[in-house]
Amino acid sequence: MFADSQEMAPTGSTVTLLHYGYPLVETMVEEIRTRTANGQFFINNVRLEKPGLFNVIEKTLILPNAKLFPVSGASEQRRLFHYVRFNFKVSLVADEKRELILPIWMHLQGGYPVDGREIERLAVFDGENQFQGLEPAEPFFIKQSNPVGEEVLHALLERARQSTSHELGDTLQSLHKRLQRYLDLDRARLDQYYDDLKKDAERRMQKAEEGRRLTMEAKVTAIEAEHRSKLIDVEQKYRLRIELDLANLAVITQPKLALSVEIRKRSATIRRQIIWDPLLHTAEPLVCDVCGLAGLEMYLCENGHLAHAGCLSPQCVECKRTYCQKCAENVQTCVVCDQPVCTHSLVRCSTCQRITCQEHSHLCHAVEGKPQHIRPAAALSAARAADSPVPTPGKNAPSAPVLKERPSATRKKAAPPKSGSAAKAAAKPALTADYVEVYYGASRPLVSAYVYVKKRELAVRSWELTDEGISISCRCEELFCKENGLLYHPAPDEQILAQLNVLMHSFLIKYNVPEKKIHYYRMRGGEPVEERKLMLTGKWKDAVSLQEAREGFDRHE
């Protein structure tokens, strides 16, 4: 109790006045100051029952190159799992300062970020744990038995900090655009101002007498130096700085079901715990061993790692083994064809010690002691991509010479091996499409073929003339299309139309599309106009553009 005067005290009692600087007051203030706004909450409004859990897990998770199996004798285990909500104070500092509070939800056991909006919508946060008899689950991403220990929370905090850039994506993008626009305007203003000063000084210098020219030259130099200094200042002004401060955190405890399963393929078998979330009524995703993020679709590495498709190393062209980026040392490159080959299939020359694939083992020092560089023919590559023989032009089909081709520099991932359902799908006969629509125009050197089945878009492949050749972009029913990302060497000017027709028919041949079901549309003023056949315009007919594309392709050969 604080007393402002002795008049507040009852008659005959002794009152001690408390004021700032008094030891008791200072102790109380310090106690309040050191207390954080951190909290602990419990989610109790769940039912820990899920009949047929393995079947649910099997339908939820996608394993393109492996299969899920139950563990003999394994049963659902009830465990306490945790979320941690980190509230960050974010300061975006540039020409002005902007502050906001950014919440980041982290799965404590898995170590990956989650979307907390659905949890907040469904959960009832209690102050007491009604499942005290359950054991807490150990973290998966770090070897620690205490899930809410200081070391685990510190490691989780670092992962949460890395996730803030993703959460701030749209905000940062719009802010960068605004800052870049202001920077460009200030640069233009400074350039104009100092250019005028410099021109005026140079004009006066030309008219000046011999004795004053040195002074005017020094003035021009000073103007240029001041111009550079002002440009540096304005760049610093619009440079964005991001400051993160942890405001507080909340630990949320929730009971879940855990079931051990086996993930197998021919050369690897691993065990993982799959978690059933009774609040969200879903099986939680697997965690990638490479990037640490969650995903419902994972590939099994030959060394027992789970990885996203984007976290895989290039696939071996010989044995089709799949390695993740953590096992990248198991995949090397053939010095002849530049294709990836794994340690199980590579051939090391006993003479020059170079590494090749089995097909090119005799070419590693074939050209004056150096490797012979080979690029496969385009027709052969297209046939492999379509899993069909090289197409033969029909009576009315255009013919074209064999074309050179190389993988694009942006193409980094190869297709994982086919197994399970993917292998069965590959064994099925070719699809039959109802019709194909081909679009092209003069504004952009792009030809796109859309394949339709029952008015549903099944696949689309585009051919675009770029500075490095004819670039292929493909979205079809194959997860990893071998044609996607390839570059082709443009044919001579008079054969470019025939070349595109051959490329297009090699794509359409696997869909059994007759010529009369191919419809051509030329874009004019944003509207499609139907044509009887493909007619190239624009850069496709420009000899200079075609020659630049050929030279660009040859430079990267």
Protein backbone atom coordinates (compact mmCIF):
# COMPACT_ATOMS: atom_id res chain seq x y z
CA MET A 1 0.00 0.00 0.00
CA PHE A 2 1.27 3.44 -0.96
CA ALA A 3 0.42 6.29 1.46
CA ASP A 4 0.67 9.88 0.28
CA SER A 5 0.22 11.31 3.78
CA GLN A 6 -0.33 10.23 7.33
CA GLU A 7 -3.94 11.47 7.13
CA MET A 8 -4.83 8.23 5.29
CA ALA A 9 -3.76 6.10 8.25
CA PRO A 10 -6.11 5.15 11.09
CA THR A 11 -5.71 7.08 14.34
CA GLY A 12 -2.99 5.65 16.57
CA SER A 13 -1.30 3.55 13.82
CA THR A 14 2.24 3.95 12.49
CA VAL A 15 2.55 4.57 8.76
CA THR A 16 5.71 4.37 6.65
CA LEU A 17 5.71 6.49 3.53
CA LEU A 18 6.97 4.62 0.39
CA HIS A 19 8.54 6.68 -2.36
CA TYR A 20 10.85 6.27 -5.32
CA GLY A 21 14.31 5.34 -4.10
CA TYR A 22 12.95 3.40 -1.12
CA PRO A 23 14.48 -0.14 -1.14
CA LEU A 24 11.12 -1.91 -1.13
CA VAL A 25 9.80 0.22 -4.01
CA GLU A 26 12.96 -0.33 -6.05
CA THR A 27 12.73 -4.09 -5.46
CA MET A 28 9.11 -4.13 -6.65
CA VAL A 29 9.92 -2.06 -9.76
CA GLU A 30 12.85 -4.30 -10.65
CA GLU A 31 10.70 -7.42 -10.20
CA ILE A 32 8.05 -6.07 -12.56
CA ARG A 33 10.65 -4.89 -15.09
CA THR A 34 12.38 -8.27 -15.30
CA ARG A 35 9.13 -10.13 -15.81
CA THR A 36 8.58 -10.80 -19.51
CA ALA A 37 5.32 -10.93 -21.40
CA ASN A 38 6.00 -14.56 -22.32
CA GLY A 39 3.21 -17.05 -21.79
CA GLN A 40 2.37 -20.75 -21.74
CA PHE A 41 -0.94 -22.14 -22.96
CA PHE A 42 -2.55 -25.55 -23.40
CA ILE A 43 -4.91 -26.88 -26.05
CA ASN A 44 -7.25 -29.38 -24.38
CA ASN A 45 -10.27 -29.39 -26.72
CA VAL A 46 -9.14 -32.46 -28.71
CA ARG A 47 -10.03 -36.18 -28.90
CA LEU A 48 -7.04 -38.51 -29.02
CA GLU A 49 -8.65 -41.18 -31.17
CA LYS A 50 -8.20 -41.97 -34.85
CA PRO A 51 -9.29 -45.40 -36.17
CA GLY A 52 -7.42 -46.54 -39.29
CA LEU A 53 -4.63 -44.01 -38.79
CA PHE A 54 -2.16 -45.78 -41.09
CA ASN A 55 -4.63 -45.75 -43.99
CA VAL A 56 -5.17 -42.02 -43.48
CA ILE A 57 -1.40 -41.41 -43.46
CA GLU A 58 -0.96 -43.53 -46.59
CA LYS A 59 -3.51 -41.40 -48.46
CA THR A 60 -2.07 -38.11 -47.23
CA LEU A 61 1.67 -38.50 -47.88
CA ILE A 62 3.09 -38.68 -51.41
CA LEU A 63 6.28 -40.69 -51.99
CA PRO A 64 6.96 -40.81 -55.76
CA ASN A 65 9.96 -43.15 -55.51
CA ALA A 66 9.17 -45.10 -52.33
CA LYS A 67 6.32 -46.75 -50.47
CA LEU A 68 4.89 -46.59 -46.96
CA PHE A 69 4.68 -49.71 -44.76
CA PRO A 70 3.37 -50.25 -41.21
CA VAL A 71 5.85 -51.25 -38.52
CA SER A 72 5.06 -54.62 -37.03
CA GLY A 73 3.70 -54.24 -33.50
CA ALA A 74 3.68 -50.44 -33.63
CA SER A 75 0.67 -48.63 -32.20
CA GLU A 76 -0.40 -45.02 -31.80
CA GLN A 77 1.46 -43.23 -29.03
CA ARG A 78 -0.07 -40.28 -27.20
CA ARG A 79 2.46 -37.52 -26.73
CA LEU A 80 2.53 -33.83 -25.88
CA PHE A 81 3.70 -31.65 -28.75
CA HIS A 82 4.43 -27.95 -28.75
CA TYR A 83 4.13 -24.84 -30.88
CA VAL A 84 6.06 -21.67 -30.19
CA ARG A 85 4.72 -18.33 -31.33
CA PHE A 86 7.50 -15.76 -31.63
CA ASN A 87 6.37 -12.16 -31.79
CA PHE A 88 9.00 -10.06 -33.53
CA LYS A 89 9.18 -6.30 -33.57
CA VAL A 90 10.25 -5.54 -37.14
CA SER A 91 11.76 -2.18 -38.05
CA LEU A 92 12.05 -1.39 -41.75
CA VAL A 93 14.47 1.54 -41.97
CA ALA A 94 15.17 3.49 -45.15
CA ASP A 95 14.25 7.11 -45.91
CA GLU A 96 11.62 6.61 -43.23
CA LYS A 97 11.14 4.09 -40.44
CA ARG A 98 8.24 1.65 -40.36
CA GLU A 99 7.56 -0.71 -37.44
CA LEU A 100 5.25 -3.69 -37.15
CA ILE A 101 4.70 -6.79 -35.02
CA LEU A 102 5.21 -10.04 -36.93
CA PRO A 103 4.07 -13.35 -35.35
CA ILE A 104 5.91 -16.50 -36.47
CA TRP A 105 4.49 -19.90 -35.49
CA MET A 106 7.02 -22.74 -35.23
CA HIS A 107 6.47 -26.47 -34.78
CA LEU A 108 8.81 -27.12 -31.87
CA GLN A 109 9.37 -30.85 -32.42
CA GLY A 110 9.75 -30.53 -36.19
CA GLY A 111 11.60 -27.21 -36.20
CA TYR A 112 9.68 -25.77 -39.16
CA PRO A 113 7.25 -22.83 -39.54
CA VAL A 114 3.50 -23.46 -39.61
CA ASP A 115 0.44 -21.36 -40.38
CA GLY A 116 -0.98 -20.47 -36.99
CA ARG A 117 -4.19 -18.85 -38.23
CA GLU A 118 -6.14 -22.11 -38.38
CA ILE A 119 -4.83 -23.14 -34.96
CA GLU A 120 -5.95 -19.84 -33.47
CA ARG A 121 -9.37 -20.23 -35.07
CA LEU A 122 -10.03 -23.75 -33.77
CA ALA A 123 -8.15 -23.92 -30.46
CA VAL A 124 -9.29 -22.98 -26.99
CA PHE A 125 -6.23 -21.80 -25.07
CA ASP A 126 -6.34 -22.89 -21.41
CA GLY A 127 -4.05 -22.05 -18.55
CA GLU A 128 -3.97 -25.62 -17.21
CA ASN A 129 -2.91 -28.88 -18.82
CA GLN A 130 -5.60 -31.56 -18.69
CA PHE A 131 -3.23 -34.16 -20.20
CA GLN A 132 -0.54 -34.09 -17.51
CA GLY A 133 -0.08 -37.84 -17.64
CA LEU A 134 1.33 -37.73 -21.20
CA GLU A 135 5.07 -37.59 -21.91
CA PRO A 136 6.39 -34.72 -24.06
CA ALA A 137 7.73 -35.73 -27.49
CA GLU A 138 11.42 -35.15 -28.12
CA PRO A 139 12.44 -32.64 -30.81
CA PHE A 140 13.22 -34.16 -34.21
CA PHE A 141 15.47 -31.41 -35.55
CA ILE A 142 17.89 -31.32 -32.59
CA LYS A 143 19.11 -33.97 -30.17
CA GLN A 144 17.68 -32.77 -26.88
CA SER A 145 15.42 -34.61 -24.47
CA ASN A 146 13.86 -31.47 -22.98
CA PRO A 147 11.62 -29.96 -25.70
CA VAL A 148 11.26 -26.59 -23.99
CA GLY A 149 14.87 -26.30 -22.86
CA GLU A 150 16.88 -23.17 -23.51
CA GLU A 151 19.06 -24.75 -26.20
CA VAL A 152 16.02 -25.97 -28.18
CA LEU A 153 14.31 -22.58 -27.98
CA HIS A 154 17.47 -20.79 -29.12
CA ALA A 155 17.80 -23.10 -32.13
CA LEU A 156 14.12 -22.64 -32.92
CA LEU A 157 14.48 -18.87 -32.64
CA GLU A 158 17.16 -18.86 -35.35
CA ARG A 159 14.88 -20.81 -37.66
CA ALA A 160 12.04 -18.42 -36.90
CA ARG A 161 14.27 -15.46 -37.83
CA GLN A 162 14.99 -17.08 -41.19
CA SER A 163 11.25 -17.46 -41.81
CA THR A 164 10.55 -13.76 -41.38
CA SER A 165 11.78 -12.96 -44.90
CA HIS A 166 9.11 -15.25 -46.35
CA GLU A 167 6.38 -13.77 -44.16
CA LEU A 168 7.46 -10.24 -45.12
CA GLY A 169 7.65 -11.13 -48.82
CA ASP A 170 4.85 -8.92 -50.17
CA THR A 171 5.67 -6.06 -47.80
CA LEU A 172 9.35 -6.08 -48.76
CA GLN A 173 8.58 -6.36 -52.45
CA SER A 174 6.30 -3.31 -52.47
CA LEU A 175 8.74 -1.38 -50.28
CA HIS A 176 11.68 -2.20 -52.56
CA LYS A 177 9.67 -0.99 -55.58
CA ARG A 178 8.85 2.29 -53.85
CA LEU A 179 12.45 2.86 -52.74
CA GLN A 180 13.78 2.03 -56.20
CA ARG A 181 11.35 4.49 -57.79
CA TYR A 182 12.40 7.28 -55.40
CA LEU A 183 16.06 6.40 -55.90
CA ASP A 184 15.70 6.61 -59.68
CA LEU A 185 13.97 10.00 -59.39
CA ASP A 186 16.65 11.42 -57.08
CA ARG A 187 19.42 10.06 -59.29
CA ALA A 188 17.85 11.67 -62.35
CA ARG A 189 17.46 14.98 -60.49
CA LEU A 190 21.10 14.91 -59.31
CA ASP A 191 22.39 13.89 -62.74
CA GLN A 192 20.56 16.73 -64.42
CA TYR A 193 21.63 19.28 -61.82
CA TYR A 194 25.33 18.40 -61.86
CA ASP A 195 25.42 17.90 -65.63
CA ASP A 196 24.16 21.45 -66.02
CA LEU A 197 26.78 22.72 -63.58
CA LYS A 198 29.51 20.82 -65.38
CA LYS A 199 28.45 22.03 -68.83
CA ASP A 200 28.35 25.62 -67.58
CA ALA A 201 31.81 25.29 -66.01
CA GLU A 202 33.24 23.71 -69.18
CA ARG A 203 31.73 26.45 -71.33
CA ARG A 204 33.26 29.12 -69.10
CA MET A 205 36.57 27.26 -69.10
CA GLN A 206 36.73 27.35 -72.90
CA LYS A 207 36.19 31.11 -72.87
CA ALA A 208 38.56 31.76 -69.93
CA GLU A 209 42.04 33.09 -70.26
CA GLU A 210 45.04 30.83 -69.93
CA GLY A 211 45.66 31.78 -66.32
CA ARG A 212 42.15 30.93 -65.16
CA ARG A 213 41.83 27.56 -66.93
CA LEU A 214 43.53 25.67 -64.15
CA THR A 215 41.05 27.13 -61.68
CA MET A 216 38.11 26.17 -63.90
CA GLU A 217 39.49 22.61 -64.39
CA ALA A 218 39.70 22.26 -60.61
CA LYS A 219 36.10 23.45 -60.39
CA VAL A 220 34.96 20.81 -62.92
CA THR A 221 36.79 18.13 -60.92
CA ALA A 222 35.13 19.34 -57.72
CA ILE A 223 31.70 19.21 -59.38
CA GLU A 224 32.30 15.60 -60.48
CA ALA A 225 33.50 14.62 -56.99
CA GLU A 226 30.49 16.27 -55.35
CA HIS A 227 28.20 14.51 -57.85
CA ARG A 228 29.62 11.10 -56.91
CA SER A 229 29.35 11.92 -53.21
CA LYS A 230 25.70 12.95 -53.53
CA LEU A 231 24.89 9.75 -55.45
CA ILE A 232 26.44 7.68 -52.65
CA ASP A 233 24.42 9.63 -50.08
CA VAL A 234 21.15 9.09 -51.90
CA GLU A 235 21.87 5.37 -52.30
CA GLN A 236 22.46 5.14 -48.57
CA LYS A 237 19.24 7.03 -47.95
CA TYR A 238 17.12 4.52 -49.86
CA ARG A 239 18.97 1.39 -48.75
CA LEU A 240 16.58 -0.79 -46.78
CA ARG A 241 17.72 -2.09 -43.40
CA ILE A 242 15.70 -4.70 -41.52
CA GLU A 243 15.96 -4.88 -37.73
CA LEU A 244 14.42 -7.77 -35.80
CA ASP A 245 13.81 -7.74 -32.06
CA LEU A 246 12.05 -10.53 -30.20
CA ALA A 247 9.21 -8.95 -28.23
CA ASN A 248 7.90 -12.09 -26.52
CA LEU A 249 6.95 -15.68 -27.13
CA ALA A 250 4.25 -18.14 -26.20
CA VAL A 251 4.66 -21.91 -25.81
CA ILE A 252 1.49 -23.81 -26.73
CA THR A 253 1.19 -27.45 -25.69
CA GLN A 254 -1.15 -29.85 -27.50
CA PRO A 255 -1.55 -33.66 -27.29
CA LYS A 256 -1.24 -35.57 -30.57
CA LEU A 257 -0.95 -39.15 -31.83
CA ALA A 258 2.38 -40.49 -33.13
CA LEU A 259 2.71 -43.64 -35.27
CA SER A 260 5.98 -45.18 -36.46
CA VAL A 261 6.05 -46.20 -40.14
CA GLU A 262 8.64 -47.51 -42.59
CA ILE A 263 9.46 -45.80 -45.87
CA ARG A 264 11.07 -48.23 -48.28
CA LYS A 265 12.44 -48.53 -51.74
CA ARG A 266 14.72 -51.13 -53.27
CA SER A 267 17.98 -49.72 -51.90
CA ALA A 268 16.93 -47.87 -48.72
CA THR A 269 14.60 -48.25 -45.75
CA ILE A 270 14.00 -45.68 -43.02
CA ARG A 271 11.61 -45.21 -40.11
CA ARG A 272 9.74 -42.02 -39.36
CA GLN A 273 7.15 -40.96 -36.82
CA ILE A 274 4.05 -39.60 -38.48
CA ILE A 275 1.96 -37.27 -36.32
CA TRP A 276 -1.82 -37.03 -36.34
CA ASP A 277 -3.13 -33.62 -35.30
CA PRO A 278 -6.57 -34.10 -33.67
CA LEU A 279 -7.24 -30.35 -33.70
CA LEU A 280 -6.71 -29.84 -37.43
CA HIS A 281 -7.79 -33.43 -38.27
CA THR A 282 -4.82 -34.03 -40.52
CA ALA A 283 -1.59 -36.01 -40.69
CA GLU A 284 1.37 -33.68 -40.31
CA PRO A 285 3.82 -33.48 -43.24
CA LEU A 286 7.26 -35.03 -43.39
CA VAL A 287 10.33 -32.87 -42.84
CA CYS A 288 12.97 -32.45 -45.54
CA ASP A 289 16.44 -33.48 -44.33
CA VAL A 290 18.05 -30.89 -46.61
CA CYS A 291 16.19 -27.60 -46.09
CA GLY A 292 14.38 -28.48 -42.84
CA LEU A 293 10.97 -27.43 -44.20
CA ALA A 294 7.85 -29.59 -44.21
CA GLY A 295 6.14 -31.14 -47.22
CA LEU A 296 3.54 -33.77 -48.06
CA GLU A 297 5.53 -34.93 -51.11
CA MET A 298 9.03 -36.27 -50.47
CA TYR A 299 11.62 -38.36 -52.29
CA LEU A 300 13.73 -41.00 -50.55
CA CYS A 301 17.46 -40.54 -51.10
CA GLU A 302 19.70 -43.57 -51.64
CA ASN A 303 21.35 -42.78 -48.30
CA GLY A 304 18.08 -42.66 -46.38
CA HIS A 305 17.31 -38.93 -46.48
CA LEU A 306 13.91 -37.45 -47.27
CA ALA A 307 13.99 -34.47 -49.62
CA HIS A 308 11.75 -32.21 -51.68
CA ALA A 309 12.01 -32.48 -55.44
CA GLY A 310 13.87 -29.16 -55.43
CA CYS A 311 16.37 -30.46 -52.85
CA LEU A 312 17.53 -33.40 -54.97
CA SER A 313 20.85 -33.63 -56.76
CA PRO A 314 20.80 -34.37 -60.51
CA GLN A 315 19.81 -37.97 -61.17
CA CYS A 316 22.35 -40.46 -62.50
CA VAL A 317 21.84 -41.01 -66.26
CA GLU A 318 23.01 -44.62 -66.00
CA CYS A 319 21.36 -46.31 -63.00
CA LYS A 320 18.74 -43.60 -62.23
CA ARG A 321 19.69 -43.50 -58.53
CA THR A 322 18.34 -40.52 -56.58
CA TYR A 323 20.53 -38.53 -54.18
CA CYS A 324 19.68 -35.42 -52.19
CA GLN A 325 21.86 -32.32 -52.03
CA LYS A 326 23.38 -33.50 -48.75
CA CYS A 327 24.77 -36.46 -50.70
CA ALA A 328 25.92 -34.41 -53.69
CA GLU A 329 29.42 -35.91 -53.44
CA ASN A 330 27.90 -39.17 -54.73
CA VAL A 331 27.05 -37.54 -58.07
CA GLN A 332 29.75 -36.36 -60.46
CA THR A 333 29.77 -35.24 -64.09
CA CYS A 334 30.86 -37.05 -67.23
CA VAL A 335 33.68 -35.03 -68.85
CA VAL A 336 32.37 -35.94 -72.30
CA CYS A 337 28.61 -35.31 -72.21
CA ASP A 338 28.35 -33.24 -68.98
CA GLN A 339 25.59 -35.55 -67.71
CA PRO A 340 25.41 -36.53 -64.00
CA VAL A 341 26.69 -39.98 -63.10
CA CYS A 342 26.79 -41.47 -59.60
CA THR A 343 29.67 -43.25 -57.89
CA HIS A 344 28.04 -46.65 -58.55
CA SER A 345 27.97 -46.17 -62.32
CA LEU A 346 30.88 -43.88 -63.20
CA VAL A 347 33.94 -45.08 -65.09
CA ARG A 348 37.34 -43.72 -64.10
CA CYS A 349 39.92 -43.93 -66.86
CA SER A 350 43.09 -45.71 -65.80
CA THR A 351 45.16 -43.51 -68.13
CA CYS A 352 43.93 -39.95 -67.51
CA GLN A 353 41.89 -40.57 -64.30
CA ARG A 354 38.96 -38.64 -65.77
CA ILE A 355 35.37 -39.63 -64.96
CA THR A 356 32.87 -40.58 -67.65
CA CYS A 357 29.59 -42.41 -67.98
CA GLN A 358 29.73 -45.95 -69.32
CA GLU A 359 28.61 -44.89 -72.80
CA HIS A 360 31.54 -42.47 -73.26
CA SER A 361 34.30 -44.31 -71.40
CA HIS A 362 36.47 -44.38 -74.54
CA LEU A 363 36.29 -40.63 -75.26
CA CYS A 364 37.84 -39.12 -72.12
CA HIS A 365 41.17 -38.36 -73.87
CA ALA A 366 40.20 -38.81 -77.49
CA VAL A 367 41.15 -35.32 -78.78
CA GLU A 368 44.88 -34.81 -78.30
CA GLY A 369 44.68 -36.10 -74.74
CA LYS A 370 41.57 -34.06 -73.89
CA PRO A 371 37.93 -35.19 -73.66
CA GLN A 372 35.73 -35.12 -76.72
CA HIS A 373 32.63 -33.00 -76.01
CA ILE A 374 29.39 -34.52 -77.26
CA ARG A 375 25.88 -33.17 -77.45
CA PRO A 376 23.09 -35.61 -78.44
CA ALA A 377 20.91 -34.99 -81.47
CA ALA A 378 17.65 -33.20 -80.82
CA ALA A 379 15.53 -35.87 -82.48
CA LEU A 380 16.98 -38.55 -80.21
CA SER A 381 16.39 -36.39 -77.12
CA ALA A 382 12.79 -35.71 -78.15
CA ALA A 383 12.21 -39.41 -78.69
CA ARG A 384 13.52 -40.22 -75.22
CA ALA A 385 11.36 -37.50 -73.69
CA ALA A 386 8.27 -38.98 -75.34
CA ASP A 387 9.33 -42.60 -74.65
CA SER A 388 8.74 -43.33 -78.34
CA PRO A 389 10.88 -43.86 -81.46
CA VAL A 390 12.09 -40.91 -83.51
CA PRO A 391 9.05 -39.60 -85.43
CA THR A 392 9.16 -39.93 -89.20
CA PRO A 393 7.60 -37.03 -91.12
CA GLY A 394 4.55 -38.08 -93.07
CA LYS A 395 3.71 -37.35 -96.63
CA ASN A 396 2.55 -33.80 -95.96
CA ALA A 397 4.74 -33.13 -92.93
CA PRO A 398 7.73 -30.78 -93.29
CA SER A 399 11.21 -32.20 -93.05
CA ALA A 400 14.21 -30.68 -91.32
CA PRO A 401 17.83 -31.57 -90.69
CA VAL A 402 19.03 -33.11 -87.44
CA LEU A 403 19.31 -30.28 -84.94
CA LYS A 404 21.85 -29.55 -82.26
CA GLU A 405 20.66 -29.25 -78.68
CA ARG A 406 22.05 -28.62 -75.23
CA PRO A 407 20.57 -28.46 -71.71
CA SER A 408 19.71 -24.96 -70.55
CA ALA A 409 21.88 -23.45 -67.81
CA THR A 410 18.80 -23.13 -65.63
CA ARG A 411 17.99 -26.80 -65.80
CA LYS A 412 19.44 -28.26 -62.61
CA LYS A 413 17.20 -31.16 -61.60
CA ALA A 414 16.82 -34.47 -63.36
CA ALA A 415 13.87 -36.81 -63.09
CA PRO A 416 13.77 -39.19 -60.14
CA PRO A 417 13.51 -42.91 -60.98
CA LYS A 418 10.07 -44.28 -61.74
CA SER A 419 8.69 -46.70 -59.22
CA GLY A 420 5.35 -47.78 -57.85
CA SER A 421 2.45 -45.91 -59.40
CA ALA A 422 4.79 -43.81 -61.54
CA ALA A 423 6.20 -46.94 -63.18
CA LYS A 424 2.70 -48.27 -63.84
CA ALA A 425 1.70 -44.96 -65.38
CA ALA A 426 4.73 -45.10 -67.67
CA ALA A 427 3.71 -48.56 -68.86
CA LYS A 428 0.27 -47.37 -69.97
CA PRO A 429 -0.35 -46.71 -73.68
CA ALA A 430 -0.03 -43.17 -75.00
CA LEU A 431 -2.80 -40.73 -74.17
CA THR A 432 -5.28 -39.69 -76.80
CA ALA A 433 -6.13 -36.00 -76.83
CA ASP A 434 -9.34 -34.57 -78.25
CA TYR A 435 -7.76 -31.55 -79.91
CA VAL A 436 -4.81 -29.16 -79.83
CA GLU A 437 -4.75 -25.37 -80.05
CA VAL A 438 -1.59 -23.62 -81.27
CA TYR A 439 -1.16 -19.89 -80.59
CA TYR A 440 1.44 -17.53 -82.06
CA GLY A 441 1.84 -13.85 -82.88
CA ALA A 442 4.16 -11.11 -84.07
CA SER A 443 4.61 -9.23 -80.78
CA ARG A 444 6.66 -12.03 -79.23
CA PRO A 445 8.57 -14.89 -80.92
CA LEU A 446 6.58 -17.55 -79.05
CA VAL A 447 4.65 -20.59 -80.28
CA SER A 448 2.53 -22.48 -77.72
CA ALA A 449 0.66 -25.76 -78.19
CA TYR A 450 -2.17 -26.58 -75.76
CA VAL A 451 -3.38 -30.20 -75.53
CA TYR A 452 -6.99 -30.75 -74.38
CA VAL A 453 -8.92 -33.82 -73.20
CA LYS A 454 -12.64 -33.33 -72.56
CA LYS A 455 -12.12 -29.55 -72.60
CA ARG A 456 -9.52 -29.88 -69.82
CA GLU A 457 -5.98 -28.66 -70.43
CA LEU A 458 -3.70 -31.70 -70.25
CA ALA A 459 -0.36 -30.27 -71.37
CA VAL A 460 1.22 -27.18 -72.88
CA ARG A 461 4.60 -26.78 -74.53
CA SER A 462 6.09 -23.52 -75.80
CA TRP A 463 8.95 -22.72 -78.17
CA GLU A 464 10.46 -19.23 -77.90
CA LEU A 465 13.28 -17.63 -79.85
CA THR A 466 15.78 -16.20 -77.34
CA ASP A 467 19.31 -14.81 -77.49
CA GLU A 468 20.65 -18.31 -76.80
CA GLY A 469 18.52 -20.34 -79.22
CA ILE A 470 15.03 -21.85 -79.20
CA SER A 471 14.01 -22.30 -75.57
CA ILE A 472 11.56 -25.06 -74.59
CA SER A 473 9.06 -24.72 -71.73
CA CYS A 474 6.82 -27.70 -71.00
CA ARG A 475 4.07 -28.42 -68.48
CA CYS A 476 2.70 -31.90 -69.10
CA GLU A 477 1.58 -34.96 -67.15
CA GLU A 478 5.22 -35.94 -66.50
CA LEU A 479 6.53 -34.65 -63.16
CA PHE A 480 9.97 -34.00 -64.64
CA CYS A 481 9.69 -33.49 -68.39
CA LYS A 482 13.05 -34.04 -70.06
CA GLU A 483 12.32 -31.40 -72.69
CA ASN A 484 11.57 -28.64 -70.20
CA GLY A 485 14.47 -26.20 -70.10
CA LEU A 486 16.23 -27.44 -73.27
CA LEU A 487 17.69 -25.12 -75.89
CA TYR A 488 17.78 -25.91 -79.62
CA HIS A 489 20.06 -24.49 -82.26
CA PRO A 490 17.94 -22.48 -84.74
CA ALA A 491 17.93 -23.89 -88.27
CA PRO A 492 18.86 -21.78 -91.32
CA ASP A 493 16.40 -18.99 -92.12
CA GLU A 494 14.55 -20.84 -94.85
CA GLN A 495 14.15 -23.98 -92.66
CA ILE A 496 13.03 -22.39 -89.38
CA LEU A 497 9.33 -23.08 -90.06
CA ALA A 498 10.08 -26.72 -90.86
CA GLN A 499 12.13 -26.98 -87.67
CA LEU A 500 9.27 -25.72 -85.50
CA ASN A 501 6.80 -28.08 -87.17
CA VAL A 502 9.09 -31.04 -86.47
CA LEU A 503 9.52 -29.99 -82.82
CA MET A 504 5.78 -29.52 -82.43
CA HIS A 505 4.86 -32.85 -84.04
CA SER A 506 7.44 -34.72 -81.92
CA PHE A 507 5.55 -33.35 -78.90
CA LEU A 508 2.05 -34.12 -80.20
CA ILE A 509 2.81 -37.60 -81.48
CA LYS A 510 2.43 -39.16 -78.02
CA TYR A 511 -1.11 -37.78 -77.75
CA ASN A 512 -2.30 -39.41 -81.03
CA VAL A 513 -3.62 -36.13 -82.38
CA PRO A 514 -4.53 -36.21 -86.08
CA GLU A 515 -3.63 -33.22 -88.21
CA LYS A 516 -7.28 -32.19 -88.63
CA LYS A 517 -7.60 -31.82 -84.82
CA ILE A 518 -4.81 -29.23 -84.63
CA HIS A 519 -6.19 -25.68 -84.70
CA TYR A 520 -3.90 -22.70 -85.34
CA TYR A 521 -4.59 -19.21 -83.97
CA ARG A 522 -2.68 -16.05 -84.77
CA MET A 523 -2.89 -13.30 -82.13
CA ARG A 524 -3.80 -9.89 -83.57
CA GLY A 525 -4.52 -6.98 -81.27
CA GLY A 526 -4.97 -9.35 -78.34
CA GLU A 527 -7.60 -11.42 -80.18
CA PRO A 528 -7.04 -14.91 -81.72
CA VAL A 529 -7.68 -15.27 -85.45
CA GLU A 530 -7.91 -18.83 -86.77
CA GLU A 531 -5.47 -19.81 -89.52
CA ARG A 532 -5.11 -22.92 -91.64
CA LYS A 533 -1.50 -23.58 -90.63
CA LEU A 534 1.44 -22.21 -88.66
CA MET A 535 2.78 -19.01 -90.21
CA LEU A 536 5.78 -17.40 -88.52
CA THR A 537 6.13 -13.64 -88.25
CA GLY A 538 8.17 -11.08 -86.36
CA LYS A 539 11.60 -12.19 -85.15
CA TRP A 540 11.07 -15.68 -86.57
CA LYS A 541 11.43 -14.09 -90.04
CA ASP A 542 14.16 -11.63 -89.05
CA ALA A 543 17.54 -12.82 -90.30
CA VAL A 544 19.42 -10.67 -87.76
CA SER A 545 17.48 -12.07 -84.78
CA LEU A 546 17.95 -15.65 -86.00
CA GLN A 547 21.69 -15.13 -86.49
CA GLU A 548 22.04 -13.62 -83.00
CA ALA A 549 20.23 -16.65 -81.55
CA ARG A 550 22.58 -19.04 -83.37
CA GLU A 551 25.67 -17.15 -82.20
CA GLY A 552 24.34 -17.05 -78.63
CA PHE A 553 23.76 -20.80 -78.71
CA ASP A 554 27.27 -21.43 -80.08
CA ARG A 555 28.86 -19.25 -77.38
CA HIS A 556 27.43 -21.57 -74.69
CA GLU A 557 28.25 -24.75 -76.53
